[in-house]
Amino acid sequence: MARYVDGFVLPVPADNVEAYRRIARKAGKVWKEYGALEYIECVADDVKPGKLTSFPQSVKLKANEVVVFSWIVYKSRKHRDAVNAKVMADPRIAGMGPESMPFDGKRMFWGGFKSLVEL
C-alpha cells in the first residue's frame, strides 16, 4: 500500500533553531503517539539560492535564517486525516499557537502527497 506524506518548508531564525527543535520534538512525540509512522525535521545544510527557484527563495529567506524541511509519514490519506484530527484536538498541540512559534508562519508552506515510488 502506498503511504501518504505531509511535507513542510519554513524559515527559522538561526538563533531560534534550538527553540524550534524543542517544539518539534514535543510535536513529533504527539504525532507518533497518535499513529504517524515517521516524523522528520531537517535543517538546511546545503541549499543555495537558485536562478528561478530554490528552498531559500521559496520562504523568502532572510540573512539570519535557515530553512527547515519536514515531513510526516502515514499509512494513507485517510490515516493522515484521522491522526491529524486527534493531534489537533490534543491540548499539547492546541497550546502551540502562531504567537508561540519561533518562526514566521506566514512564510511556511505545506501540503499532502501521495507516494509515487517507495524502494
PDB file of N, CA and C in Angstrom:
ATOM      1  N   MET A   1       0.848  -1.185   0.000  1.00  0.00           N
ATOM      2  CA  MET A   1       0.000   0.000   0.000  1.00  0.00           C
ATOM      3  C   MET A   1       0.894   1.249   0.000  1.00  0.00           C
ATOM      4  N   ALA A   2       0.587   2.190  -0.859  1.00  0.00           N
ATOM      5  CA  ALA A   2       1.338   3.440  -0.929  1.00  0.00           C
ATOM      6  C   ALA A   2       1.054   4.283   0.304  1.00  0.00           C
ATOM      7  N   ARG A   3       2.090   4.871   0.829  1.00  0.00           N
ATOM      8  CA  ARG A   3       1.931   5.707   2.021  1.00  0.00           C
ATOM      9  C   ARG A   3       1.597   7.139   1.618  1.00  0.00           C
ATOM     10  N   TYR A   4       1.303   7.968   2.612  1.00  0.00           N
ATOM     11  CA  TYR A   4       0.939   9.370   2.399  1.00  0.00           C
ATOM     12  C   TYR A   4       1.885  10.225   3.230  1.00  0.00           C
ATOM     13  N   VAL A   5       2.293  11.374   2.680  1.00  0.00           N
ATOM     14  CA  VAL A   5       3.276  12.230   3.344  1.00  0.00           C
ATOM     15  C   VAL A   5       2.773  13.666   3.399  1.00  0.00           C
ATOM     16  N   ASP A   6       2.858  14.277   4.567  1.00  0.00           N
ATOM     17  CA  ASP A   6       2.667  15.721   4.707  1.00  0.00           C
ATOM     18  C   ASP A   6       4.062  16.326   4.715  1.00  0.00           C
ATOM     19  N   GLY A   7       4.294  17.327   3.860  1.00  0.00           N
ATOM     20  CA  GLY A   7       5.588  17.985   3.793  1.00  0.00           C
ATOM     21  C   GLY A   7       5.478  19.450   4.170  1.00  0.00           C
ATOM     22  N   PHE A   8       6.529  19.990   4.785  1.00  0.00           N
ATOM     23  CA  PHE A   8       6.552  21.367   5.281  1.00  0.00           C
ATOM     24  C   PHE A   8       7.900  22.003   4.968  1.00  0.00           C
ATOM     25  N   VAL A   9       7.902  23.281   4.612  1.00  0.00           N
ATOM     26  CA  VAL A   9       9.132  24.049   4.444  1.00  0.00           C
ATOM     27  C   VAL A   9       8.905  25.388   5.140  1.00  0.00           C
ATOM     28  N   LEU A  10       9.856  25.812   5.969  1.00  0.00           N
ATOM     29  CA  LEU A  10       9.686  27.061   6.702  1.00  0.00           C
ATOM     30  C   LEU A  10      11.032  27.688   7.047  1.00  0.00           C
ATOM     31  N   PRO A  11      11.035  29.013   7.237  1.00  0.00           N
ATOM     32  CA  PRO A  11      12.253  29.708   7.651  1.00  0.00           C
ATOM     33  C   PRO A  11      12.291  29.818   9.176  1.00  0.00           C
ATOM     34  N   VAL A  12      13.452  29.552   9.751  1.00  0.00           N
ATOM     35  CA  VAL A  12      13.620  29.682  11.202  1.00  0.00           C
ATOM     36  C   VAL A  12      14.833  30.567  11.453  1.00  0.00           C
ATOM     37  N   PRO A  13      14.692  31.613  12.268  1.00  0.00           N
ATOM     38  CA  PRO A  13      15.873  32.407  12.614  1.00  0.00           C
ATOM     39  C   PRO A  13      16.944  31.504  13.232  1.00  0.00           C
ATOM     40  N   ALA A  14      18.181  31.683  12.816  1.00  0.00           N
ATOM     41  CA  ALA A  14      19.273  30.830  13.310  1.00  0.00           C
ATOM     42  C   ALA A  14      19.321  30.810  14.834  1.00  0.00           C
ATOM     43  N   ASP A  15      19.029  31.930  15.463  1.00  0.00           N
ATOM     44  CA  ASP A  15      19.041  31.996  16.926  1.00  0.00           C
ATOM     45  C   ASP A  15      17.906  31.207  17.566  1.00  0.00           C
ATOM     46  N   ASN A  16      16.912  30.803  16.783  1.00  0.00           N
ATOM     47  CA  ASN A  16      15.752  30.086  17.317  1.00  0.00           C
ATOM     48  C   ASN A  16      15.739  28.600  16.971  1.00  0.00           C
ATOM     49  N   VAL A  17      16.813  28.090  16.374  1.00  0.00           N
ATOM     50  CA  VAL A  17      16.815  26.685  15.962  1.00  0.00           C
ATOM     51  C   VAL A  17      16.626  25.756  17.163  1.00  0.00           C
ATOM     52  N   GLU A  18      17.269  26.033  18.266  1.00  0.00           N
ATOM     53  CA  GLU A  18      17.114  25.155  19.440  1.00  0.00           C
ATOM     54  C   GLU A  18      15.690  25.221  19.995  1.00  0.00           C
ATOM     55  N   ALA A  19      15.101  26.398  20.018  1.00  0.00           N
ATOM     56  CA  ALA A  19      13.698  26.526  20.461  1.00  0.00           C
ATOM     57  C   ALA A  19      12.792  25.757  19.511  1.00  0.00           C
ATOM     58  N   TYR A  20      13.066  25.848  18.211  1.00  0.00           N
ATOM     59  CA  TYR A  20      12.274  25.100  17.237  1.00  0.00           C
ATOM     60  C   TYR A  20      12.443  23.597  17.464  1.00  0.00           C
ATOM     61  N   ARG A  21      13.668  23.156  17.711  1.00  0.00           N
ATOM     62  CA  ARG A  21      13.934  21.733  17.956  1.00  0.00           C
ATOM     63  C   ARG A  21      13.107  21.226  19.146  1.00  0.00           C
ATOM     64  N   ARG A  22      13.036  22.013  20.213  1.00  0.00           N
ATOM     65  CA  ARG A  22      12.251  21.598  21.387  1.00  0.00           C
ATOM     66  C   ARG A  22      10.770  21.435  21.028  1.00  0.00           C
ATOM     67  N   ILE A  23      10.230  22.390  20.286  1.00  0.00           N
ATOM     68  CA  ILE A  23       8.821  22.322  19.868  1.00  0.00           C
ATOM     69  C   ILE A  23       8.612  21.133  18.936  1.00  0.00           C
ATOM     70  N   ALA A  24       9.535  20.931  17.995  1.00  0.00           N
ATOM     71  CA  ALA A  24       9.412  19.831  17.037  1.00  0.00           C
ATOM     72  C   ALA A  24       9.461  18.477  17.744  1.00  0.00           C
ATOM     73  N   ARG A  25      10.336  18.330  18.728  1.00  0.00           N
ATOM     74  CA  ARG A  25      10.412  17.068  19.477  1.00  0.00           C
ATOM     75  C   ARG A  25       9.096  16.800  20.192  1.00  0.00           C
ATOM     76  N   LYS A  26       8.565  17.826  20.827  1.00  0.00           N
ATOM     77  CA  LYS A  26       7.292  17.689  21.536  1.00  0.00           C
ATOM     78  C   LYS A  26       6.171  17.328  20.557  1.00  0.00           C
ATOM     79  N   ALA A  27       6.092  18.044  19.453  1.00  0.00           N
ATOM     80  CA  ALA A  27       5.054  17.786  18.457  1.00  0.00           C
ATOM     81  C   ALA A  27       5.225  16.395  17.846  1.00  0.00           C
ATOM     82  N   GLY A  28       6.449  16.035  17.524  1.00  0.00           N
ATOM     83  CA  GLY A  28       6.709  14.724  16.925  1.00  0.00           C
ATOM     84  C   GLY A  28       6.258  13.585  17.810  1.00  0.00           C
ATOM     85  N   LYS A  29       6.479  13.715  19.110  1.00  0.00           N
ATOM     86  CA  LYS A  29       6.032  12.670  20.042  1.00  0.00           C
ATOM     87  C   LYS A  29       4.518  12.529  20.010  1.00  0.00           C
ATOM     88  N   VAL A  30       3.814  13.650  19.888  1.00  0.00           N
ATOM     89  CA  VAL A  30       2.347  13.608  19.831  1.00  0.00           C
ATOM     90  C   VAL A  30       1.908  12.934  18.532  1.00  0.00           C
ATOM     91  N   TRP A  31       2.478  13.338  17.403  1.00  0.00           N
ATOM     92  CA  TRP A  31       2.108  12.725  16.116  1.00  0.00           C
ATOM     93  C   TRP A  31       2.356  11.220  16.146  1.00  0.00           C
ATOM     94  N   LYS A  32       3.519  10.804  16.661  1.00  0.00           N
ATOM     95  CA  LYS A  32       3.838   9.378  16.723  1.00  0.00           C
ATOM     96  C   LYS A  32       2.886   8.646  17.672  1.00  0.00           C
ATOM     97  N   GLU A  33       2.546   9.277  18.777  1.00  0.00           N
ATOM     98  CA  GLU A  33       1.621   8.675  19.744  1.00  0.00           C
ATOM     99  C   GLU A  33       0.280   8.360  19.090  1.00  0.00           C
ATOM    100  N   TYR A  34      -0.152   9.225  18.174  1.00  0.00           N
ATOM    101  CA  TYR A  34      -1.441   9.023  17.520  1.00  0.00           C
ATOM    102  C   TYR A  34      -1.344   8.222  16.223  1.00  0.00           C
ATOM    103  N   GLY A  35      -0.157   7.726  15.893  1.00  0.00           N
ATOM    104  CA  GLY A  35      -0.066   6.785  14.790  1.00  0.00           C
ATOM    105  C   GLY A  35       0.767   7.159  13.588  1.00  0.00           C
ATOM    106  N   ALA A  36       1.357   8.348  13.555  1.00  0.00           N
ATOM    107  CA  ALA A  36       2.236   8.677  12.429  1.00  0.00           C
ATOM    108  C   ALA A  36       3.363   7.650  12.362  1.00  0.00           C
ATOM    109  N   LEU A  37       3.715   7.229  11.172  1.00  0.00           N
ATOM    110  CA  LEU A  37       4.766   6.226  11.001  1.00  0.00           C
ATOM    111  C   LEU A  37       6.162   6.819  11.154  1.00  0.00           C
ATOM    112  N   GLU A  38       6.343   8.035  10.645  1.00  0.00           N
ATOM    113  CA  GLU A  38       7.626   8.734  10.749  1.00  0.00           C
ATOM    114  C   GLU A  38       7.366  10.214  10.943  1.00  0.00           C
ATOM    115  N   TYR A  39       8.276  10.874  11.650  1.00  0.00           N
ATOM    116  CA  TYR A  39       8.214  12.322  11.856  1.00  0.00           C
ATOM    117  C   TYR A  39       9.645  12.812  11.747  1.00  0.00           C
ATOM    118  N   ILE A  40       9.933  13.584  10.707  1.00  0.00           N
ATOM    119  CA  ILE A  40      11.303  14.017  10.421  1.00  0.00           C
ATOM    120  C   ILE A  40      11.358  15.541  10.304  1.00  0.00           C
ATOM    121  N   GLU A  41      12.329  16.148  10.966  1.00  0.00           N
ATOM    122  CA  GLU A  41      12.575  17.599  10.874  1.00  0.00           C
ATOM    123  C   GLU A  41      14.052  17.767  10.502  1.00  0.00           C
ATOM    124  N   CYS A  42      14.324  18.506   9.432  1.00  0.00           N
ATOM    125  CA  CYS A  42      15.691  18.700   8.948  1.00  0.00           C
ATOM    126  C   CYS A  42      15.988  20.186   8.801  1.00  0.00           C
ATOM    127  N   VAL A  43      17.230  20.559   9.103  1.00  0.00           N
ATOM    128  CA  VAL A  43      17.654  21.943   8.910  1.00  0.00           C
ATOM    129  C   VAL A  43      18.605  21.976   7.705  1.00  0.00           C
ATOM    130  N   ALA A  44      18.467  22.993   6.872  1.00  0.00           N
ATOM    131  CA  ALA A  44      19.254  23.092   5.647  1.00  0.00           C
ATOM    132  C   ALA A  44      20.750  23.094   5.937  1.00  0.00           C
ATOM    133  N   ASP A  45      21.458  22.340   5.126  1.00  0.00           N
ATOM    134  CA  ASP A  45      22.901  22.260   5.249  1.00  0.00           C
ATOM    135  C   ASP A  45      23.566  22.630   3.923  1.00  0.00           C
ATOM    136  N   ASP A  46      22.895  22.328   2.820  1.00  0.00           N
ATOM    137  CA  ASP A  46      23.467  22.588   1.501  1.00  0.00           C
ATOM    138  C   ASP A  46      22.350  23.018   0.555  1.00  0.00           C
ATOM    139  N   VAL A  47      21.809  24.197   0.775  1.00  0.00           N
ATOM    140  CA  VAL A  47      20.783  24.769  -0.106  1.00  0.00           C
ATOM    141  C   VAL A  47      21.216  26.178  -0.484  1.00  0.00           C
ATOM    142  N   LYS A  48      21.276  26.403  -1.760  1.00  0.00           N
ATOM    143  CA  LYS A  48      21.718  27.707  -2.257  1.00  0.00           C
ATOM    144  C   LYS A  48      20.596  28.371  -3.030  1.00  0.00           C
ATOM    145  N   PRO A  49      20.573  29.688  -3.061  1.00  0.00           N
ATOM    146  CA  PRO A  49      19.571  30.371  -3.891  1.00  0.00           C
ATOM    147  C   PRO A  49      19.762  29.965  -5.356  1.00  0.00           C
ATOM    148  N   GLY A  50      18.650  29.775  -6.041  1.00  0.00           N
ATOM    149  CA  GLY A  50      18.714  29.398  -7.449  1.00  0.00           C
ATOM    150  C   GLY A  50      18.490  30.597  -8.343  1.00  0.00           C
ATOM    151  N   LYS A  51      18.500  30.347  -9.649  1.00  0.00           N
ATOM    152  CA  LYS A  51      18.224  31.417 -10.599  1.00  0.00           C
ATOM    153  C   LYS A  51      16.728  31.680 -10.691  1.00  0.00           C
ATOM    154  N   LEU A  52      15.923  30.615 -10.619  1.00  0.00           N
ATOM    155  CA  LEU A  52      14.472  30.770 -10.706  1.00  0.00           C
ATOM    156  C   LEU A  52      13.765  30.380  -9.409  1.00  0.00           C
ATOM    157  N   THR A  53      14.154  29.228  -8.853  1.00  0.00           N
ATOM    158  CA  THR A  53      13.532  28.766  -7.610  1.00  0.00           C
ATOM    159  C   THR A  53      14.567  28.067  -6.740  1.00  0.00           C
ATOM    160  N   SER A  54      14.277  27.977  -5.473  1.00  0.00           N
ATOM    161  CA  SER A  54      15.135  27.253  -4.531  1.00  0.00           C
ATOM    162  C   SER A  54      14.445  27.231  -3.180  1.00  0.00           C
ATOM    163  N   PHE A  55      14.957  26.432  -2.264  1.00  0.00           N
ATOM    164  CA  PHE A  55      14.409  26.442  -0.906  1.00  0.00           C
ATOM    165  C   PHE A  55      14.510  27.828  -0.275  1.00  0.00           C
ATOM    166  N   PRO A  56      15.671  28.500  -0.342  1.00  0.00           N
ATOM    167  CA  PRO A  56      15.737  29.836   0.253  1.00  0.00           C
ATOM    168  C   PRO A  56      14.729  30.819  -0.361  1.00  0.00           C
ATOM    169  N   GLN A  57      14.585  30.772  -1.673  1.00  0.00           N
ATOM    170  CA  GLN A  57      13.649  31.686  -2.325  1.00  0.00           C
ATOM    171  C   GLN A  57      12.198  31.347  -1.973  1.00  0.00           C
ATOM    172  N   SER A  58      11.911  30.077  -1.781  1.00  0.00           N
ATOM    173  CA  SER A  58      10.529  29.657  -1.527  1.00  0.00           C
ATOM    174  C   SER A  58       9.957  30.248  -0.244  1.00  0.00           C
ATOM    175  N   VAL A  59      10.831  30.528   0.731  1.00  0.00           N
ATOM    176  CA  VAL A  59      10.372  31.076   2.013  1.00  0.00           C
ATOM    177  C   VAL A  59      10.845  32.517   2.229  1.00  0.00           C
ATOM    178  N   LYS A  60      11.380  33.120   1.165  1.00  0.00           N
ATOM    179  CA  LYS A  60      11.921  34.482   1.260  1.00  0.00           C
ATOM    180  C   LYS A  60      12.913  34.582   2.422  1.00  0.00           C
ATOM    181  N   LEU A  61      13.872  33.654   2.411  1.00  0.00           N
ATOM    182  CA  LEU A  61      14.842  33.526   3.495  1.00  0.00           C
ATOM    183  C   LEU A  61      15.611  34.816   3.723  1.00  0.00           C
ATOM    184  N   LYS A  62      15.717  35.199   4.984  1.00  0.00           N
ATOM    185  CA  LYS A  62      16.493  36.377   5.375  1.00  0.00           C
ATOM    186  C   LYS A  62      17.897  35.932   5.781  1.00  0.00           C
ATOM    187  N   ALA A  63      18.810  36.882   5.851  1.00  0.00           N
ATOM    188  CA  ALA A  63      20.225  36.579   6.123  1.00  0.00           C
ATOM    189  C   ALA A  63      20.438  35.816   7.423  1.00  0.00           C
ATOM    190  N   ASN A  64      19.624  36.047   8.429  1.00  0.00           N
ATOM    191  CA  ASN A  64      19.826  35.420   9.741  1.00  0.00           C
ATOM    192  C   ASN A  64      18.958  34.175   9.934  1.00  0.00           C
ATOM    193  N   GLU A  65      18.470  33.577   8.840  1.00  0.00           N
ATOM    194  CA  GLU A  65      17.560  32.439   8.949  1.00  0.00           C
ATOM    195  C   GLU A  65      18.115  31.200   8.247  1.00  0.00           C
ATOM    196  N   VAL A  66      17.542  30.053   8.616  1.00  0.00           N
ATOM    197  CA  VAL A  66      17.836  28.781   7.954  1.00  0.00           C
ATOM    198  C   VAL A  66      16.510  28.168   7.504  1.00  0.00           C
ATOM    199  N   VAL A  67      16.594  27.307   6.504  1.00  0.00           N
ATOM    200  CA  VAL A  67      15.405  26.607   6.021  1.00  0.00           C
ATOM    201  C   VAL A  67      15.248  25.302   6.793  1.00  0.00           C
ATOM    202  N   VAL A  68      14.017  25.030   7.209  1.00  0.00           N
ATOM    203  CA  VAL A  68      13.683  23.740   7.814  1.00  0.00           C
ATOM    204  C   VAL A  68      12.753  23.020   6.849  1.00  0.00           C
ATOM    205  N   PHE A  69      13.065  21.752   6.581  1.00  0.00           N
ATOM    206  CA  PHE A  69      12.290  20.891   5.693  1.00  0.00           C
ATOM    207  C   PHE A  69      11.841  19.702   6.536  1.00  0.00           C
ATOM    208  N   SER A  70      10.542  19.455   6.567  1.00  0.00           N
ATOM    209  CA  SER A  70       9.999  18.430   7.456  1.00  0.00           C
ATOM    210  C   SER A  70       8.971  17.583   6.743  1.00  0.00           C
ATOM    211  N   TRP A  71       8.784  16.367   7.242  1.00  0.00           N
ATOM    212  CA  TRP A  71       7.712  15.541   6.706  1.00  0.00           C
ATOM    213  C   TRP A  71       7.231  14.548   7.759  1.00  0.00           C
ATOM    214  N   ILE A  72       5.975  14.172   7.585  1.00  0.00           N
ATOM    215  CA  ILE A  72       5.336  13.182   8.458  1.00  0.00           C
ATOM    216  C   ILE A  72       4.745  12.121   7.542  1.00  0.00           C
ATOM    217  N   VAL A  73       4.983  10.859   7.857  1.00  0.00           N
ATOM    218  CA  VAL A  73       4.530   9.748   7.015  1.00  0.00           C
ATOM    219  C   VAL A  73       3.376   9.020   7.686  1.00  0.00           C
ATOM    220  N   TYR A  74       2.388   8.676   6.863  1.00  0.00           N
ATOM    221  CA  TYR A  74       1.185   7.964   7.318  1.00  0.00           C
ATOM    222  C   TYR A  74       0.937   6.756   6.426  1.00  0.00           C
ATOM    223  N   LYS A  75       0.037   5.878   6.857  1.00  0.00           N
ATOM    224  CA  LYS A  75      -0.342   4.704   6.057  1.00  0.00           C
ATOM    225  C   LYS A  75      -1.082   5.113   4.789  1.00  0.00           C
ATOM    226  N   SER A  76      -1.907   6.145   4.878  1.00  0.00           N
ATOM    227  CA  SER A  76      -2.753   6.583   3.766  1.00  0.00           C
ATOM    228  C   SER A  76      -3.268   7.983   4.082  1.00  0.00           C
ATOM    229  N   ARG A  77      -3.958   8.590   3.139  1.00  0.00           N
ATOM    230  CA  ARG A  77      -4.550   9.901   3.412  1.00  0.00           C
ATOM    231  C   ARG A  77      -5.626   9.783   4.497  1.00  0.00           C
ATOM    232  N   LYS A  78      -6.395   8.725   4.434  1.00  0.00           N
ATOM    233  CA  LYS A  78      -7.429   8.502   5.458  1.00  0.00           C
ATOM    234  C   LYS A  78      -6.783   8.405   6.843  1.00  0.00           C
ATOM    235  N   HIS A  79      -5.675   7.681   6.930  1.00  0.00           N
ATOM    236  CA  HIS A  79      -4.941   7.556   8.183  1.00  0.00           C
ATOM    237  C   HIS A  79      -4.418   8.922   8.622  1.00  0.00           C
ATOM    238  N   ARG A  80      -3.865   9.712   7.666  1.00  0.00           N
ATOM    239  CA  ARG A  80      -3.383  11.054   7.979  1.00  0.00           C
ATOM    240  C   ARG A  80      -4.493  11.912   8.568  1.00  0.00           C
ATOM    241  N   ASP A  81      -5.661  11.884   7.923  1.00  0.00           N
ATOM    242  CA  ASP A  81      -6.783  12.700   8.393  1.00  0.00           C
ATOM    243  C   ASP A  81      -7.195  12.311   9.805  1.00  0.00           C
ATOM    244  N   ALA A  82      -7.203  11.006  10.096  1.00  0.00           N
ATOM    245  CA  ALA A  82      -7.584  10.528  11.432  1.00  0.00           C
ATOM    246  C   ALA A  82      -6.532  10.930  12.475  1.00  0.00           C
ATOM    247  N   VAL A  83      -5.255  10.748  12.135  1.00  0.00           N
ATOM    248  CA  VAL A  83      -4.175  11.116  13.059  1.00  0.00           C
ATOM    249  C   VAL A  83      -4.204  12.619  13.316  1.00  0.00           C
ATOM    250  N   ASN A  84      -4.304  13.423  12.262  1.00  0.00           N
ATOM    251  CA  ASN A  84      -4.285  14.875  12.427  1.00  0.00           C
ATOM    252  C   ASN A  84      -5.477  15.380  13.238  1.00  0.00           C
ATOM    253  N   ALA A  85      -6.629  14.759  13.098  1.00  0.00           N
ATOM    254  CA  ALA A  85      -7.794  15.163  13.896  1.00  0.00           C
ATOM    255  C   ALA A  85      -7.496  14.977  15.381  1.00  0.00           C
ATOM    256  N   LYS A  86      -6.880  13.859  15.732  1.00  0.00           N
ATOM    257  CA  LYS A  86      -6.527  13.596  17.135  1.00  0.00           C
ATOM    258  C   LYS A  86      -5.443  14.557  17.613  1.00  0.00           C
ATOM    259  N   VAL A  87      -4.433  14.772  16.762  1.00  0.00           N
ATOM    260  CA  VAL A  87      -3.330  15.668  17.130  1.00  0.00           C
ATOM    261  C   VAL A  87      -3.843  17.081  17.383  1.00  0.00           C
ATOM    262  N   MET A  88      -4.674  17.592  16.483  1.00  0.00           N
ATOM    263  CA  MET A  88      -5.159  18.965  16.619  1.00  0.00           C
ATOM    264  C   MET A  88      -6.078  19.144  17.824  1.00  0.00           C
ATOM    265  N   ALA A  89      -6.687  18.068  18.298  1.00  0.00           N
ATOM    266  CA  ALA A  89      -7.538  18.143  19.487  1.00  0.00           C
ATOM    267  C   ALA A  89      -6.736  17.976  20.776  1.00  0.00           C
ATOM    268  N   ASP A  90      -5.490  17.575  20.672  1.00  0.00           N
ATOM    269  CA  ASP A  90      -4.656  17.328  21.846  1.00  0.00           C
ATOM    270  C   ASP A  90      -4.223  18.666  22.447  1.00  0.00           C
ATOM    271  N   PRO A  91      -4.404  18.857  23.747  1.00  0.00           N
ATOM    272  CA  PRO A  91      -4.033  20.136  24.377  1.00  0.00           C
ATOM    273  C   PRO A  91      -2.540  20.466  24.279  1.00  0.00           C
ATOM    274  N   ARG A  92      -1.703  19.457  24.133  1.00  0.00           N
ATOM    275  CA  ARG A  92      -0.260  19.719  23.988  1.00  0.00           C
ATOM    276  C   ARG A  92       0.036  20.447  22.677  1.00  0.00           C
ATOM    277  N   ILE A  93      -0.786  20.223  21.670  1.00  0.00           N
ATOM    278  CA  ILE A  93      -0.609  20.883  20.377  1.00  0.00           C
ATOM    279  C   ILE A  93      -1.465  22.141  20.307  1.00  0.00           C
ATOM    280  N   ALA A  94      -2.667  22.071  20.855  1.00  0.00           N
ATOM    281  CA  ALA A  94      -3.578  23.223  20.816  1.00  0.00           C
ATOM    282  C   ALA A  94      -2.925  24.455  21.448  1.00  0.00           C
ATOM    283  N   GLY A  95      -2.047  24.247  22.414  1.00  0.00           N
ATOM    284  CA  GLY A  95      -1.357  25.348  23.072  1.00  0.00           C
ATOM    285  C   GLY A  95      -0.236  25.951  22.245  1.00  0.00           C
ATOM    286  N   MET A  96       0.040  25.365  21.080  1.00  0.00           N
ATOM    287  CA  MET A  96       1.117  25.855  20.214  1.00  0.00           C
ATOM    288  C   MET A  96       0.537  26.760  19.137  1.00  0.00           C
ATOM    289  N   GLY A  97       0.097  27.925  19.531  1.00  0.00           N
ATOM    290  CA  GLY A  97      -0.460  28.870  18.574  1.00  0.00           C
ATOM    291  C   GLY A  97       0.629  29.596  17.812  1.00  0.00           C
ATOM    292  N   PRO A  98       0.254  30.296  16.746  1.00  0.00           N
ATOM    293  CA  PRO A  98       1.246  31.013  15.932  1.00  0.00           C
ATOM    294  C   PRO A  98       2.097  31.988  16.730  1.00  0.00           C
ATOM    295  N   GLU A  99       1.512  32.592  17.747  1.00  0.00           N
ATOM    296  CA  GLU A  99       2.255  33.571  18.553  1.00  0.00           C
ATOM    297  C   GLU A  99       3.370  32.931  19.375  1.00  0.00           C
ATOM    298  N   SER A 100       3.286  31.619  19.607  1.00  0.00           N
ATOM    299  CA  SER A 100       4.304  30.945  20.410  1.00  0.00           C
ATOM    300  C   SER A 100       5.388  30.279  19.558  1.00  0.00           C
ATOM    301  N   MET A 101       5.273  30.373  18.252  1.00  0.00           N
ATOM    302  CA  MET A 101       6.234  29.721  17.365  1.00  0.00           C
ATOM    303  C   MET A 101       7.486  30.577  17.167  1.00  0.00           C
ATOM    304  N   PRO A 102       8.654  29.930  17.124  1.00  0.00           N
ATOM    305  CA  PRO A 102       9.914  30.672  16.941  1.00  0.00           C
ATOM    306  C   PRO A 102      10.274  30.905  15.472  1.00  0.00           C
ATOM    307  N   PHE A 103       9.258  31.108  14.631  1.00  0.00           N
ATOM    308  CA  PHE A 103       9.482  31.352  13.210  1.00  0.00           C
ATOM    309  C   PHE A 103       8.286  32.114  12.646  1.00  0.00           C
ATOM    310  N   ASP A 104       8.438  32.619  11.428  1.00  0.00           N
ATOM    311  CA  ASP A 104       7.380  33.367  10.760  1.00  0.00           C
ATOM    312  C   ASP A 104       6.491  32.401   9.976  1.00  0.00           C
ATOM    313  N   GLY A 105       5.362  32.040  10.549  1.00  0.00           N
ATOM    314  CA  GLY A 105       4.452  31.084   9.931  1.00  0.00           C
ATOM    315  C   GLY A 105       3.837  31.549   8.627  1.00  0.00           C
ATOM    316  N   LYS A 106       3.888  32.843   8.357  1.00  0.00           N
ATOM    317  CA  LYS A 106       3.335  33.363   7.102  1.00  0.00           C
ATOM    318  C   LYS A 106       4.172  32.937   5.903  1.00  0.00           C
ATOM    319  N   ARG A 107       5.439  32.577   6.152  1.00  0.00           N
ATOM    320  CA  ARG A 107       6.316  32.167   5.059  1.00  0.00           C
ATOM    321  C   ARG A 107       6.505  30.656   5.017  1.00  0.00           C
ATOM    322  N   MET A 108       5.739  29.932   5.827  1.00  0.00           N
ATOM    323  CA  MET A 108       5.765  28.468   5.832  1.00  0.00           C
ATOM    324  C   MET A 108       4.810  27.960   4.754  1.00  0.00           C
ATOM    325  N   PHE A 109       5.170  26.850   4.115  1.00  0.00           N
ATOM    326  CA  PHE A 109       4.209  26.216   3.214  1.00  0.00           C
ATOM    327  C   PHE A 109       4.235  24.716   3.425  1.00  0.00           C
ATOM    328  N   TRP A 110       3.135  24.067   3.068  1.00  0.00           N
ATOM    329  CA  TRP A 110       2.979  22.642   3.333  1.00  0.00           C
ATOM    330  C   TRP A 110       1.975  22.049   2.360  1.00  0.00           C
ATOM    331  N   GLY A 111       1.929  20.730   2.349  1.00  0.00           N
ATOM    332  CA  GLY A 111       0.964  20.036   1.513  1.00  0.00           C
ATOM    333  C   GLY A 111       1.021  18.549   1.751  1.00  0.00           C
ATOM    334  N   GLY A 112      -0.015  17.849   1.292  1.00  0.00           N
ATOM    335  CA  GLY A 112      -0.099  16.403   1.398  1.00  0.00           C
ATOM    336  C   GLY A 112       0.237  15.759   0.063  1.00  0.00           C
ATOM    337  N   PHE A 113       0.952  14.631   0.111  1.00  0.00           N
ATOM    338  CA  PHE A 113       1.444  13.981  -1.098  1.00  0.00           C
ATOM    339  C   PHE A 113       1.187  12.482  -1.071  1.00  0.00           C
ATOM    340  N   LYS A 114       0.707  11.964  -2.189  1.00  0.00           N
ATOM    341  CA  LYS A 114       0.591  10.514  -2.370  1.00  0.00           C
ATOM    342  C   LYS A 114       1.943   9.994  -2.780  1.00  0.00           C
ATOM    343  N   SER A 115       2.315   8.852  -2.240  1.00  0.00           N
ATOM    344  CA  SER A 115       3.581   8.228  -2.572  1.00  0.00           C
ATOM    345  C   SER A 115       3.589   7.808  -4.043  1.00  0.00           C
ATOM    346  N   LEU A 116       4.680   8.083  -4.730  1.00  0.00           N
ATOM    347  CA  LEU A 116       4.829   7.730  -6.142  1.00  0.00           C
ATOM    348  C   LEU A 116       5.764   6.536  -6.308  1.00  0.00           C
ATOM    349  N   VAL A 117       6.889   6.561  -5.598  1.00  0.00           N
ATOM    350  CA  VAL A 117       7.863   5.456  -5.624  1.00  0.00           C
ATOM    351  C   VAL A 117       8.325   5.207  -4.204  1.00  0.00           C
ATOM    352  N   GLU A 118       8.341   3.949  -3.809  1.00  0.00           N
ATOM    353  CA  GLU A 118       8.877   3.552  -2.499  1.00  0.00           C
ATOM    354  C   GLU A 118       9.782   2.354  -2.722  1.00  0.00           C
ATOM    355  N   LEU A 119      11.047   2.477  -2.335  1.00  0.00           N
ATOM    356  CA  LEU A 119      12.011   1.381  -2.515  1.00  0.00           C
ATOM    357  C   LEU A 119      12.440   0.831  -1.179  1.00  0.00           C
TER     358      LEU A 119
END
